[in-house]
Amino acid sequence: MMELTFAQSFSLIALNAQDSIHLTTAKKAALRCMSASVILELYLDKQFNVNSEDLTFTKEDLSNPSINLYQETILKIILGRNDSISDTLSNYLSHVIKLSNKQLKEIERTLADSLKGIDALEEIPNLLGCDLEFKTAGVSIKEYRSNGELYTKITEGLRAEILEDGVMSEEAILMLWLMRESGSIYDIFSKEELKIVADRINQLFEENSFARQIFSINIHKSIEIAIKNFLNIKKSIMSTQIGTGVNFAFPFFERSQSIFIDTEAMFENKEERLRDVKVRLEQYGHTFTVIREGEVPLIKIDNFLYEAIPTAMNYQFPVQGVRLRRYPIY
């Protein structure tokens, strides 16, 4: 399978399970960070002309055959009507805060297409389509699904480098910052592991000048920061003083779905309930693996883990079924 670039690797993480049609708050955060990942990729590949601390790029540089389509897209947006731009890496990254919805969609299209072209990304019915109310209403929602093998390879590699002692590469530091800013960090690490991640960030902040520069940058928009009041969970996760490790306040909850799947008969046993869940998932084209059976099965669906909890819903009459509830991926 084709090796992914830095920006493609992050986009594979950021787009997984995102609404593929609408610009949700969570996807806007992901797309801004995907734009930042392109800038960082150009920095890592030494595509900027370096003068002291400033990085320079001109319109003439766009003709360089090593510049690909998604890199050209973001560079044209940053250049605007200017013939050239010269600024620090921090200020280049800050440009993504100002991206319009139209520009975000353009960036989404070029990066998503680059992944689809190598079979690393596809569009499927959203898991919410399996929910009884959505199914009954005939509502169709689509989402991105990243290639499971690639997704696991990238995330497991990052987890190993971040959670284990040792020197972190520049690429891993940048990827950790991108995951922090986009909220993808909640998809990769459990609540207990986030404490280790926060300590790791603060250690890097104290000991690594490059990491200190990067982790001091926030590419949030005010409307998204306002959502942090909803995310009080961060207070119970993070208790460090420097502050670089606590800014995980992003709308990850938009992807923390809870889906009610009705079952065929009343009072089914655990084997029959699991069978009905499998049938619904297959019907809507989802890939899944049963990790644990029993009264509350654990199922990996499209790269995320869900608990299948026996549930009854009260409509005009009681409906027996199973509620799929997001579970930390590790």
C-alpha atoms as a PDB file:
ATOM      1  CA  MET A   1       0.000   0.000   0.000  1.00  0.00           C
ATOM      2  CA  MET A   2       1.264   3.482  -0.884  1.00  0.00           C
ATOM      3  CA  GLU A   3       3.165   5.405   1.801  1.00  0.00           C
ATOM      4  CA  LEU A   4       1.266   8.458   3.027  1.00  0.00           C
ATOM      5  CA  THR A   5       2.686  11.943   3.381  1.00  0.00           C
ATOM      6  CA  PHE A   6       2.645  13.781   6.717  1.00  0.00           C
ATOM      7  CA  ALA A   7      -0.505  15.754   5.812  1.00  0.00           C
ATOM      8  CA  GLN A   8      -2.250  12.678   4.438  1.00  0.00           C
ATOM      9  CA  SER A   9      -1.432  10.711   7.601  1.00  0.00           C
ATOM     10  CA  PHE A  10      -2.984  13.377   9.818  1.00  0.00           C
ATOM     11  CA  SER A  11      -5.974  13.793   7.476  1.00  0.00           C
ATOM     12  CA  LEU A  12      -6.601  10.047   7.671  1.00  0.00           C
ATOM     13  CA  ILE A  13      -6.986  10.421  11.448  1.00  0.00           C
ATOM     14  CA  ALA A  14      -8.907  13.708  11.368  1.00  0.00           C
ATOM     15  CA  LEU A  15     -11.458  12.734   8.694  1.00  0.00           C
ATOM     16  CA  ASN A  16     -12.313   9.282  10.039  1.00  0.00           C
ATOM     17  CA  ALA A  17     -16.021   9.244  11.056  1.00  0.00           C
ATOM     18  CA  GLN A  18     -16.525  12.899  10.116  1.00  0.00           C
ATOM     19  CA  ASP A  19     -19.689  13.959   8.291  1.00  0.00           C
ATOM     20  CA  SER A  20     -18.640  13.906   4.630  1.00  0.00           C
ATOM     21  CA  ILE A  21     -21.312  16.344   3.451  1.00  0.00           C
ATOM     22  CA  HIS A  22     -21.886  19.040   6.066  1.00  0.00           C
ATOM     23  CA  LEU A  23     -19.444  21.440   7.733  1.00  0.00           C
ATOM     24  CA  THR A  24     -20.044  20.493  11.350  1.00  0.00           C
ATOM     25  CA  THR A  25     -18.173  22.294  14.117  1.00  0.00           C
ATOM     26  CA  ALA A  26     -15.984  19.231  14.632  1.00  0.00           C
ATOM     27  CA  LYS A  27     -15.128  19.006  10.930  1.00  0.00           C
ATOM     28  CA  LYS A  28     -14.248  22.705  10.714  1.00  0.00           C
ATOM     29  CA  ALA A  29     -11.736  22.157  13.511  1.00  0.00           C
ATOM     30  CA  ALA A  30     -10.373  19.102  11.688  1.00  0.00           C
ATOM     31  CA  LEU A  31     -10.096  20.946   8.352  1.00  0.00           C
ATOM     32  CA  ARG A  32      -8.237  23.896   9.866  1.00  0.00           C
ATOM     33  CA  CYS A  33      -5.782  21.442  11.401  1.00  0.00           C
ATOM     34  CA  MET A  34      -5.513  19.573   8.100  1.00  0.00           C
ATOM     35  CA  SER A  35      -4.597  22.908   6.501  1.00  0.00           C
ATOM     36  CA  ALA A  36      -1.984  23.419   9.210  1.00  0.00           C
ATOM     37  CA  SER A  37      -0.633  19.919   8.545  1.00  0.00           C
ATOM     38  CA  VAL A  38      -0.016  20.905   4.907  1.00  0.00           C
ATOM     39  CA  ILE A  39       1.984  23.961   6.033  1.00  0.00           C
ATOM     40  CA  LEU A  40       3.955  21.764   8.432  1.00  0.00           C
ATOM     41  CA  GLU A  41       4.559  19.218   5.662  1.00  0.00           C
ATOM     42  CA  LEU A  42       6.020  21.964   3.466  1.00  0.00           C
ATOM     43  CA  TYR A  43       8.179  23.030   6.423  1.00  0.00           C
ATOM     44  CA  LEU A  44       9.398  19.471   7.047  1.00  0.00           C
ATOM     45  CA  ASP A  45      10.120  19.009   3.321  1.00  0.00           C
ATOM     46  CA  LYS A  46      12.084  22.300   3.283  1.00  0.00           C
ATOM     47  CA  GLN A  47       9.883  23.840   0.587  1.00  0.00           C
ATOM     48  CA  PHE A  48      10.120  27.307   2.143  1.00  0.00           C
ATOM     49  CA  ASN A  49      13.053  29.630   1.608  1.00  0.00           C
ATOM     50  CA  VAL A  50      14.523  30.241   5.062  1.00  0.00           C
ATOM     51  CA  ASN A  51      15.870  33.648   6.066  1.00  0.00           C
ATOM     52  CA  SER A  52      16.686  33.807   9.775  1.00  0.00           C
ATOM     53  CA  GLU A  53      13.376  32.852  11.483  1.00  0.00           C
ATOM     54  CA  ASP A  54      11.210  33.825   8.515  1.00  0.00           C
ATOM     55  CA  LEU A  55       9.915  31.389   5.909  1.00  0.00           C
ATOM     56  CA  THR A  56       9.374  32.815   2.428  1.00  0.00           C
ATOM     57  CA  PHE A  57       7.210  31.520  -0.393  1.00  0.00           C
ATOM     58  CA  THR A  58       6.439  33.156  -3.752  1.00  0.00           C
ATOM     59  CA  LYS A  59       3.953  32.594  -6.548  1.00  0.00           C
ATOM     60  CA  GLU A  60       6.859  31.487  -8.756  1.00  0.00           C
ATOM     61  CA  ASP A  61       7.546  28.659  -6.302  1.00  0.00           C
ATOM     62  CA  LEU A  62       4.132  27.183  -7.135  1.00  0.00           C
ATOM     63  CA  SER A  63       5.544  26.021 -10.464  1.00  0.00           C
ATOM     64  CA  ASN A  64       7.914  23.664  -8.623  1.00  0.00           C
ATOM     65  CA  PRO A  65       6.982  20.120  -9.775  1.00  0.00           C
ATOM     66  CA  SER A  66       7.432  18.832  -6.215  1.00  0.00           C
ATOM     67  CA  ILE A  67       4.423  20.908  -5.053  1.00  0.00           C
ATOM     68  CA  ASN A  68       1.319  18.680  -5.184  1.00  0.00           C
ATOM     69  CA  LEU A  69      -2.309  19.727  -5.614  1.00  0.00           C
ATOM     70  CA  TYR A  70      -3.343  19.996  -1.953  1.00  0.00           C
ATOM     71  CA  GLN A  71      -0.145  21.900  -1.113  1.00  0.00           C
ATOM     72  CA  GLU A  72      -0.801  24.269  -4.017  1.00  0.00           C
ATOM     73  CA  THR A  73      -4.391  24.786  -2.802  1.00  0.00           C
ATOM     74  CA  ILE A  74      -3.420  25.936   0.691  1.00  0.00           C
ATOM     75  CA  LEU A  75      -0.449  28.019  -0.544  1.00  0.00           C
ATOM     76  CA  LYS A  76      -2.643  29.908  -3.040  1.00  0.00           C
ATOM     77  CA  ILE A  77      -5.102  30.674  -0.262  1.00  0.00           C
ATOM     78  CA  ILE A  78      -2.356  31.976   2.039  1.00  0.00           C
ATOM     79  CA  LEU A  79      -0.729  34.026  -0.714  1.00  0.00           C
ATOM     80  CA  GLY A  80      -4.014  35.582  -1.789  1.00  0.00           C
ATOM     81  CA  ARG A  81      -3.199  38.511  -4.085  1.00  0.00           C
ATOM     82  CA  ASN A  82       0.369  38.784  -2.808  1.00  0.00           C
ATOM     83  CA  ASP A  83       3.297  37.787  -4.985  1.00  0.00           C
ATOM     84  CA  SER A  84       5.162  36.473  -1.973  1.00  0.00           C
ATOM     85  CA  ILE A  85       4.825  36.001   1.765  1.00  0.00           C
ATOM     86  CA  SER A  86       7.554  35.975   4.390  1.00  0.00           C
ATOM     87  CA  ASP A  87       6.697  35.154   7.984  1.00  0.00           C
ATOM     88  CA  THR A  88       7.437  32.896  10.939  1.00  0.00           C
ATOM     89  CA  LEU A  89       6.140  29.340  11.094  1.00  0.00           C
ATOM     90  CA  SER A  90       3.801  30.381  13.920  1.00  0.00           C
ATOM     91  CA  ASN A  91       2.208  33.093  11.800  1.00  0.00           C
ATOM     92  CA  TYR A  92       1.890  30.778   8.791  1.00  0.00           C
ATOM     93  CA  LEU A  93      -0.064  28.373  11.005  1.00  0.00           C
ATOM     94  CA  SER A  94      -2.212  31.208  12.343  1.00  0.00           C
ATOM     95  CA  HIS A  95      -3.513  31.826   8.805  1.00  0.00           C
ATOM     96  CA  VAL A  96      -5.757  28.777   9.118  1.00  0.00           C
ATOM     97  CA  ILE A  97      -7.904  30.551  11.733  1.00  0.00           C
ATOM     98  CA  LYS A  98      -9.123  32.936   9.023  1.00  0.00           C
ATOM     99  CA  LEU A  99     -10.116  30.294   6.467  1.00  0.00           C
ATOM    100  CA  SER A 100     -13.680  30.714   5.167  1.00  0.00           C
ATOM    101  CA  ASN A 101     -16.166  27.862   4.863  1.00  0.00           C
ATOM    102  CA  LYS A 102     -15.642  27.885   1.086  1.00  0.00           C
ATOM    103  CA  GLN A 103     -11.889  27.573   1.515  1.00  0.00           C
ATOM    104  CA  LEU A 104     -12.272  24.813   4.092  1.00  0.00           C
ATOM    105  CA  LYS A 105     -14.454  22.835   1.672  1.00  0.00           C
ATOM    106  CA  GLU A 106     -11.863  23.269  -1.074  1.00  0.00           C
ATOM    107  CA  ILE A 107      -9.118  21.987   1.216  1.00  0.00           C
ATOM    108  CA  GLU A 108     -11.329  19.084   2.286  1.00  0.00           C
ATOM    109  CA  ARG A 109     -11.963  18.106  -1.324  1.00  0.00           C
ATOM    110  CA  THR A 110      -8.307  18.120  -2.380  1.00  0.00           C
ATOM    111  CA  LEU A 111      -7.032  16.205   0.659  1.00  0.00           C
ATOM    112  CA  ALA A 112      -9.939  13.740   0.690  1.00  0.00           C
ATOM    113  CA  ASP A 113      -9.467  13.110  -3.047  1.00  0.00           C
ATOM    114  CA  SER A 114      -5.756  12.468  -2.519  1.00  0.00           C
ATOM    115  CA  LEU A 115      -6.664   9.757   0.001  1.00  0.00           C
ATOM    116  CA  LYS A 116      -9.546   8.295  -2.006  1.00  0.00           C
ATOM    117  CA  GLY A 117      -7.247   7.985  -5.011  1.00  0.00           C
ATOM    118  CA  ILE A 118      -5.064   5.495  -3.142  1.00  0.00           C
ATOM    119  CA  ASP A 119      -7.973   3.678  -1.448  1.00  0.00           C
ATOM    120  CA  ALA A 120      -7.079   5.128   1.953  1.00  0.00           C
ATOM    121  CA  LEU A 121     -10.479   6.816   2.452  1.00  0.00           C
ATOM    122  CA  GLU A 122     -14.079   6.151   1.426  1.00  0.00           C
ATOM    123  CA  GLU A 123     -17.567   7.501   2.058  1.00  0.00           C
ATOM    124  CA  ILE A 124     -20.119   5.261   3.747  1.00  0.00           C
ATOM    125  CA  PRO A 125     -23.529   5.691   5.443  1.00  0.00           C
ATOM    126  CA  ASN A 126     -23.107   7.304   8.852  1.00  0.00           C
ATOM    127  CA  LEU A 127     -23.508   4.917  11.771  1.00  0.00           C
ATOM    128  CA  LEU A 128     -26.416   7.076  12.972  1.00  0.00           C
ATOM    129  CA  GLY A 129     -28.333   5.723   9.968  1.00  0.00           C
ATOM    130  CA  CYS A 130     -28.596   2.442  11.909  1.00  0.00           C
ATOM    131  CA  ASP A 131     -30.473   4.212  14.703  1.00  0.00           C
ATOM    132  CA  LEU A 132     -34.183   3.359  14.872  1.00  0.00           C
ATOM    133  CA  GLU A 133     -35.356   6.971  14.614  1.00  0.00           C
ATOM    134  CA  PHE A 134     -33.105   7.803  11.659  1.00  0.00           C
ATOM    135  CA  LYS A 135     -33.999   4.507   9.952  1.00  0.00           C
ATOM    136  CA  THR A 136     -37.739   5.085  10.452  1.00  0.00           C
ATOM    137  CA  ALA A 137     -37.497   8.664   9.154  1.00  0.00           C
ATOM    138  CA  GLY A 138     -35.534   7.530   6.111  1.00  0.00           C
ATOM    139  CA  VAL A 139     -32.747  10.007   6.907  1.00  0.00           C
ATOM    140  CA  SER A 140     -29.478   9.320   5.078  1.00  0.00           C
ATOM    141  CA  ILE A 141     -26.188  10.658   6.457  1.00  0.00           C
ATOM    142  CA  LYS A 142     -22.762   9.968   4.998  1.00  0.00           C
ATOM    143  CA  GLU A 143     -19.374   9.924   6.689  1.00  0.00           C
ATOM    144  CA  TYR A 144     -15.752   9.222   5.912  1.00  0.00           C
ATOM    145  CA  ARG A 145     -14.180   5.906   6.803  1.00  0.00           C
ATOM    146  CA  SER A 146     -10.395   5.618   6.817  1.00  0.00           C
ATOM    147  CA  ASN A 147      -8.684   2.443   5.681  1.00  0.00           C
ATOM    148  CA  GLY A 148      -8.577   0.330   8.851  1.00  0.00           C
ATOM    149  CA  GLU A 149      -5.102  -1.099   8.263  1.00  0.00           C
ATOM    150  CA  LEU A 150      -3.557   2.320   7.610  1.00  0.00           C
ATOM    151  CA  TYR A 151      -5.466   3.959  10.462  1.00  0.00           C
ATOM    152  CA  THR A 152      -4.238   1.332  12.928  1.00  0.00           C
ATOM    153  CA  LYS A 153      -0.655   1.502  11.650  1.00  0.00           C
ATOM    154  CA  ILE A 154      -0.486   5.294  11.988  1.00  0.00           C
ATOM    155  CA  THR A 155      -2.236   5.576  15.352  1.00  0.00           C
ATOM    156  CA  GLU A 156      -0.356   2.694  16.959  1.00  0.00           C
ATOM    157  CA  GLY A 157       2.938   4.178  15.804  1.00  0.00           C
ATOM    158  CA  LEU A 158       2.019   7.541  17.321  1.00  0.00           C
ATOM    159  CA  ARG A 159       0.815   5.966  20.549  1.00  0.00           C
ATOM    160  CA  ALA A 160       4.071   4.073  20.952  1.00  0.00           C
ATOM    161  CA  GLU A 161       6.221   7.160  20.380  1.00  0.00           C
ATOM    162  CA  ILE A 162       4.122   9.439  22.610  1.00  0.00           C
ATOM    163  CA  LEU A 163       3.394   7.111  25.534  1.00  0.00           C
ATOM    164  CA  GLU A 164       6.812   5.477  25.789  1.00  0.00           C
ATOM    165  CA  ASP A 165       9.925   7.146  27.196  1.00  0.00           C
ATOM    166  CA  GLY A 166      12.461   8.358  24.695  1.00  0.00           C
ATOM    167  CA  VAL A 167      13.164  11.187  22.300  1.00  0.00           C
ATOM    168  CA  MET A 168      10.178  12.140  20.159  1.00  0.00           C
ATOM    169  CA  SER A 169      10.747  12.953  16.503  1.00  0.00           C
ATOM    170  CA  GLU A 170       9.857  16.382  15.145  1.00  0.00           C
ATOM    171  CA  GLU A 171       7.091  14.770  13.084  1.00  0.00           C
ATOM    172  CA  ALA A 172       5.566  13.117  16.168  1.00  0.00           C
ATOM    173  CA  ILE A 173       5.649  16.406  18.100  1.00  0.00           C
ATOM    174  CA  LEU A 174       3.820  18.145  15.258  1.00  0.00           C
ATOM    175  CA  MET A 175       1.309  15.310  14.949  1.00  0.00           C
ATOM    176  CA  LEU A 176       0.611  15.463  18.690  1.00  0.00           C
ATOM    177  CA  TRP A 177      -0.028  19.208  18.447  1.00  0.00           C
ATOM    178  CA  LEU A 178      -2.384  18.694  15.494  1.00  0.00           C
ATOM    179  CA  MET A 179      -4.307  16.013  17.380  1.00  0.00           C
ATOM    180  CA  ARG A 180      -4.577  18.315  20.383  1.00  0.00           C
ATOM    181  CA  GLU A 181      -5.904  21.196  18.310  1.00  0.00           C
ATOM    182  CA  SER A 182      -8.373  19.103  16.302  1.00  0.00           C
ATOM    183  CA  GLY A 183      -9.759  17.018  19.181  1.00  0.00           C
ATOM    184  CA  SER A 184      -8.599  13.790  17.483  1.00  0.00           C
ATOM    185  CA  ILE A 185      -6.564  13.101  20.597  1.00  0.00           C
ATOM    186  CA  TYR A 186      -9.762  11.778  22.227  1.00  0.00           C
ATOM    187  CA  ASP A 187     -10.053   9.144  19.493  1.00  0.00           C
ATOM    188  CA  ILE A 188      -6.536   7.846  20.038  1.00  0.00           C
ATOM    189  CA  PHE A 189      -6.006   7.893  23.814  1.00  0.00           C
ATOM    190  CA  SER A 190      -8.110   6.738  26.746  1.00  0.00           C
ATOM    191  CA  LYS A 191      -8.940   9.028  29.652  1.00  0.00           C
ATOM    192  CA  GLU A 192      -6.123   7.559  31.771  1.00  0.00           C
ATOM    193  CA  GLU A 193      -3.649   7.805  28.905  1.00  0.00           C
ATOM    194  CA  LEU A 194      -4.508  11.482  28.396  1.00  0.00           C
ATOM    195  CA  LYS A 195      -2.916  12.174  31.778  1.00  0.00           C
ATOM    196  CA  ILE A 196       0.326  10.670  30.481  1.00  0.00           C
ATOM    197  CA  VAL A 197      -0.037  12.661  27.255  1.00  0.00           C
ATOM    198  CA  ALA A 198      -0.504  15.899  29.220  1.00  0.00           C
ATOM    199  CA  ASP A 199       2.648  15.192  31.241  1.00  0.00           C
ATOM    200  CA  ARG A 200       4.481  14.394  28.010  1.00  0.00           C
ATOM    201  CA  ILE A 201       3.404  17.704  26.451  1.00  0.00           C
ATOM    202  CA  ASN A 202       4.497  19.662  29.491  1.00  0.00           C
ATOM    203  CA  GLN A 203       7.838  17.840  29.564  1.00  0.00           C
ATOM    204  CA  LEU A 204       8.376  18.724  25.908  1.00  0.00           C
ATOM    205  CA  PHE A 205       7.331  22.312  26.622  1.00  0.00           C
ATOM    206  CA  GLU A 206      10.000  22.620  29.302  1.00  0.00           C
ATOM    207  CA  GLU A 207      12.837  20.763  27.567  1.00  0.00           C
ATOM    208  CA  ASN A 208      12.374  21.222  23.808  1.00  0.00           C
ATOM    209  CA  SER A 209      12.470  24.729  22.292  1.00  0.00           C
ATOM    210  CA  PHE A 210      10.775  23.614  19.047  1.00  0.00           C
ATOM    211  CA  ALA A 211       7.964  21.910  20.978  1.00  0.00           C
ATOM    212  CA  ARG A 212       7.598  25.029  23.150  1.00  0.00           C
ATOM    213  CA  GLN A 213       7.130  27.117  20.011  1.00  0.00           C
ATOM    214  CA  ILE A 214       4.530  24.750  18.555  1.00  0.00           C
ATOM    215  CA  PHE A 215       2.515  23.975  21.694  1.00  0.00           C
ATOM    216  CA  SER A 216       2.156  27.688  22.437  1.00  0.00           C
ATOM    217  CA  ILE A 217       0.119  28.098  19.241  1.00  0.00           C
ATOM    218  CA  ASN A 218      -3.666  27.819  19.272  1.00  0.00           C
ATOM    219  CA  ILE A 219      -5.612  27.697  16.020  1.00  0.00           C
ATOM    220  CA  HIS A 220      -9.070  27.724  17.607  1.00  0.00           C
ATOM    221  CA  LYS A 221     -11.913  29.964  16.550  1.00  0.00           C
ATOM    222  CA  SER A 222     -13.903  31.730  19.228  1.00  0.00           C
ATOM    223  CA  ILE A 223     -17.145  29.872  18.475  1.00  0.00           C
ATOM    224  CA  GLU A 224     -15.379  26.589  19.137  1.00  0.00           C
ATOM    225  CA  ILE A 225     -13.650  27.822  22.246  1.00  0.00           C
ATOM    226  CA  ALA A 226     -17.099  28.686  23.599  1.00  0.00           C
ATOM    227  CA  ILE A 227     -17.909  24.993  23.482  1.00  0.00           C
ATOM    228  CA  LYS A 228     -15.283  24.347  26.146  1.00  0.00           C
ATOM    229  CA  ASN A 229     -17.874  25.210  28.788  1.00  0.00           C
ATOM    230  CA  PHE A 230     -19.610  22.019  27.755  1.00  0.00           C
ATOM    231  CA  LEU A 231     -16.390  20.035  28.038  1.00  0.00           C
ATOM    232  CA  ASN A 232     -15.862  20.086  31.788  1.00  0.00           C
ATOM    233  CA  ILE A 233     -14.402  16.628  31.412  1.00  0.00           C
ATOM    234  CA  LYS A 234     -11.032  18.207  30.714  1.00  0.00           C
ATOM    235  CA  LYS A 235     -10.879  19.445  34.321  1.00  0.00           C
ATOM    236  CA  SER A 236     -10.989  15.902  35.612  1.00  0.00           C
ATOM    237  CA  ILE A 237      -8.421  14.756  33.045  1.00  0.00           C
ATOM    238  CA  MET A 238      -5.782  17.467  33.264  1.00  0.00           C
ATOM    239  CA  SER A 239      -4.266  19.033  36.348  1.00  0.00           C
ATOM    240  CA  THR A 240      -0.921  20.337  35.085  1.00  0.00           C
ATOM    241  CA  GLN A 241       0.064  23.939  35.727  1.00  0.00           C
ATOM    242  CA  ILE A 242       1.873  25.082  32.579  1.00  0.00           C
ATOM    243  CA  GLY A 243      -1.316  24.990  30.543  1.00  0.00           C
ATOM    244  CA  THR A 244       0.019  23.493  27.321  1.00  0.00           C
ATOM    245  CA  GLY A 245      -1.439  20.102  28.117  1.00  0.00           C
ATOM    246  CA  VAL A 246      -4.951  21.187  29.048  1.00  0.00           C
ATOM    247  CA  ASN A 247      -6.182  22.804  25.862  1.00  0.00           C
ATOM    248  CA  PHE A 248      -8.062  19.748  24.591  1.00  0.00           C
ATOM    249  CA  ALA A 249     -11.336  21.678  24.603  1.00  0.00           C
ATOM    250  CA  PHE A 250     -12.794  20.692  21.253  1.00  0.00           C
ATOM    251  CA  PRO A 251     -16.116  19.339  20.043  1.00  0.00           C
ATOM    252  CA  PHE A 252     -15.107  15.701  19.922  1.00  0.00           C
ATOM    253  CA  PHE A 253     -18.534  14.905  21.391  1.00  0.00           C
ATOM    254  CA  GLU A 254     -20.083  15.401  17.937  1.00  0.00           C
ATOM    255  CA  ARG A 255     -18.510  12.077  17.013  1.00  0.00           C
ATOM    256  CA  SER A 256     -19.265  10.382  20.339  1.00  0.00           C
ATOM    257  CA  GLN A 257     -22.415   8.877  18.946  1.00  0.00           C
ATOM    258  CA  SER A 258     -25.010   6.809  20.762  1.00  0.00           C
ATOM    259  CA  ILE A 259     -27.096   4.627  18.447  1.00  0.00           C
ATOM    260  CA  PHE A 260     -30.226   2.659  19.350  1.00  0.00           C
ATOM    261  CA  ILE A 261     -30.764  -0.486  17.260  1.00  0.00           C
ATOM    262  CA  ASP A 262     -34.132  -2.170  17.700  1.00  0.00           C
ATOM    263  CA  THR A 263     -34.135  -5.971  17.820  1.00  0.00           C
ATOM    264  CA  GLU A 264     -36.465  -8.379  16.055  1.00  0.00           C
ATOM    265  CA  ALA A 265     -38.231  -9.854  19.063  1.00  0.00           C
ATOM    266  CA  MET A 266     -39.001  -8.973  22.672  1.00  0.00           C
ATOM    267  CA  PHE A 267     -36.711 -10.340  25.391  1.00  0.00           C
ATOM    268  CA  GLU A 268     -34.068 -11.742  23.077  1.00  0.00           C
ATOM    269  CA  ASN A 269     -31.066 -13.483  24.586  1.00  0.00           C
ATOM    270  CA  LYS A 270     -27.528 -12.116  24.189  1.00  0.00           C
ATOM    271  CA  GLU A 271     -26.740 -14.216  21.088  1.00  0.00           C
ATOM    272  CA  GLU A 272     -29.900 -13.055  19.291  1.00  0.00           C
ATOM    273  CA  ARG A 273     -29.300  -9.403  20.208  1.00  0.00           C
ATOM    274  CA  LEU A 274     -25.763  -9.543  18.834  1.00  0.00           C
ATOM    275  CA  ARG A 275     -27.039 -11.231  15.664  1.00  0.00           C
ATOM    276  CA  ASP A 276     -29.533  -8.413  15.063  1.00  0.00           C
ATOM    277  CA  VAL A 277     -26.829  -5.781  15.562  1.00  0.00           C
ATOM    278  CA  LYS A 278     -24.593  -7.556  13.044  1.00  0.00           C
ATOM    279  CA  VAL A 279     -27.437  -7.716  10.510  1.00  0.00           C
ATOM    280  CA  ARG A 280     -28.092  -3.951  10.819  1.00  0.00           C
ATOM    281  CA  LEU A 281     -24.405  -3.076  10.498  1.00  0.00           C
ATOM    282  CA  GLU A 282     -24.016  -5.302   7.432  1.00  0.00           C
ATOM    283  CA  GLN A 283     -27.169  -3.816   5.903  1.00  0.00           C
ATOM    284  CA  TYR A 284     -25.634  -0.320   6.067  1.00  0.00           C
ATOM    285  CA  GLY A 285     -22.167  -1.341   4.838  1.00  0.00           C
ATOM    286  CA  HIS A 286     -20.173  -0.965   8.058  1.00  0.00           C
ATOM    287  CA  THR A 287     -17.073  -3.033   8.783  1.00  0.00           C
ATOM    288  CA  PHE A 288     -17.003  -4.508  12.278  1.00  0.00           C
ATOM    289  CA  THR A 289     -15.259  -7.013  14.510  1.00  0.00           C
ATOM    290  CA  VAL A 290     -16.721  -8.419  17.717  1.00  0.00           C
ATOM    291  CA  ILE A 291     -13.961  -7.939  20.295  1.00  0.00           C
ATOM    292  CA  ARG A 292     -15.904  -9.319  23.240  1.00  0.00           C
ATOM    293  CA  GLU A 293     -19.164 -11.229  23.443  1.00  0.00           C
ATOM    294  CA  GLY A 294     -21.459 -11.604  26.481  1.00  0.00           C
ATOM    295  CA  GLU A 295     -24.273  -9.510  27.962  1.00  0.00           C
ATOM    296  CA  VAL A 296     -22.540  -6.269  26.890  1.00  0.00           C
ATOM    297  CA  PRO A 297     -20.522  -7.052  23.742  1.00  0.00           C
ATOM    298  CA  LEU A 298     -17.630  -4.839  22.653  1.00  0.00           C
ATOM    299  CA  ILE A 299     -17.596  -4.218  18.892  1.00  0.00           C
ATOM    300  CA  LYS A 300     -15.052  -2.382  16.745  1.00  0.00           C
ATOM    301  CA  ILE A 301     -17.042  -0.529  14.073  1.00  0.00           C
ATOM    302  CA  ASP A 302     -15.278   1.516  11.371  1.00  0.00           C
ATOM    303  CA  ASN A 303     -12.123   1.998  13.503  1.00  0.00           C
ATOM    304  CA  PHE A 304     -13.983   2.884  16.740  1.00  0.00           C
ATOM    305  CA  LEU A 305     -15.001   0.741  19.681  1.00  0.00           C
ATOM    306  CA  TYR A 306     -18.611   0.566  20.882  1.00  0.00           C
ATOM    307  CA  GLU A 307     -20.296  -1.201  23.783  1.00  0.00           C
ATOM    308  CA  ALA A 308     -23.601  -2.843  22.807  1.00  0.00           C
ATOM    309  CA  ILE A 309     -25.797  -2.273  25.854  1.00  0.00           C
ATOM    310  CA  PRO A 310     -29.238  -3.957  26.110  1.00  0.00           C
ATOM    311  CA  THR A 311     -31.798  -1.145  26.219  1.00  0.00           C
ATOM    312  CA  ALA A 312     -35.558  -0.577  26.075  1.00  0.00           C
ATOM    313  CA  MET A 313     -37.038   2.606  24.583  1.00  0.00           C
ATOM    314  CA  ASN A 314     -40.543   3.849  25.330  1.00  0.00           C
ATOM    315  CA  TYR A 315     -42.454   5.098  22.302  1.00  0.00           C
ATOM    316  CA  GLN A 316     -46.184   4.381  21.932  1.00  0.00           C
ATOM    317  CA  PHE A 317     -45.155   0.931  23.119  1.00  0.00           C
ATOM    318  CA  PRO A 318     -41.865  -0.400  24.557  1.00  0.00           C
ATOM    319  CA  VAL A 319     -39.177  -1.283  22.013  1.00  0.00           C
ATOM    320  CA  GLN A 320     -36.400  -3.678  22.965  1.00  0.00           C
ATOM    321  CA  GLY A 321     -32.981  -3.207  21.466  1.00  0.00           C
ATOM    322  CA  VAL A 322     -29.304  -2.459  21.907  1.00  0.00           C
ATOM    323  CA  ARG A 323     -27.618   0.909  22.380  1.00  0.00           C
ATOM    324  CA  LEU A 324     -24.192   1.308  20.808  1.00  0.00           C
ATOM    325  CA  ARG A 325     -22.167   3.625  23.018  1.00  0.00           C
ATOM    326  CA  ARG A 326     -18.733   4.927  22.083  1.00  0.00           C
ATOM    327  CA  TYR A 327     -15.933   3.334  24.057  1.00  0.00           C
ATOM    328  CA  PRO A 328     -12.269   4.492  24.202  1.00  0.00           C
ATOM    329  CA  ILE A 329     -10.485   2.958  21.228  1.00  0.00           C
ATOM    330  CA  TYR A 330      -7.711   1.620  23.431  1.00  0.00           C
END
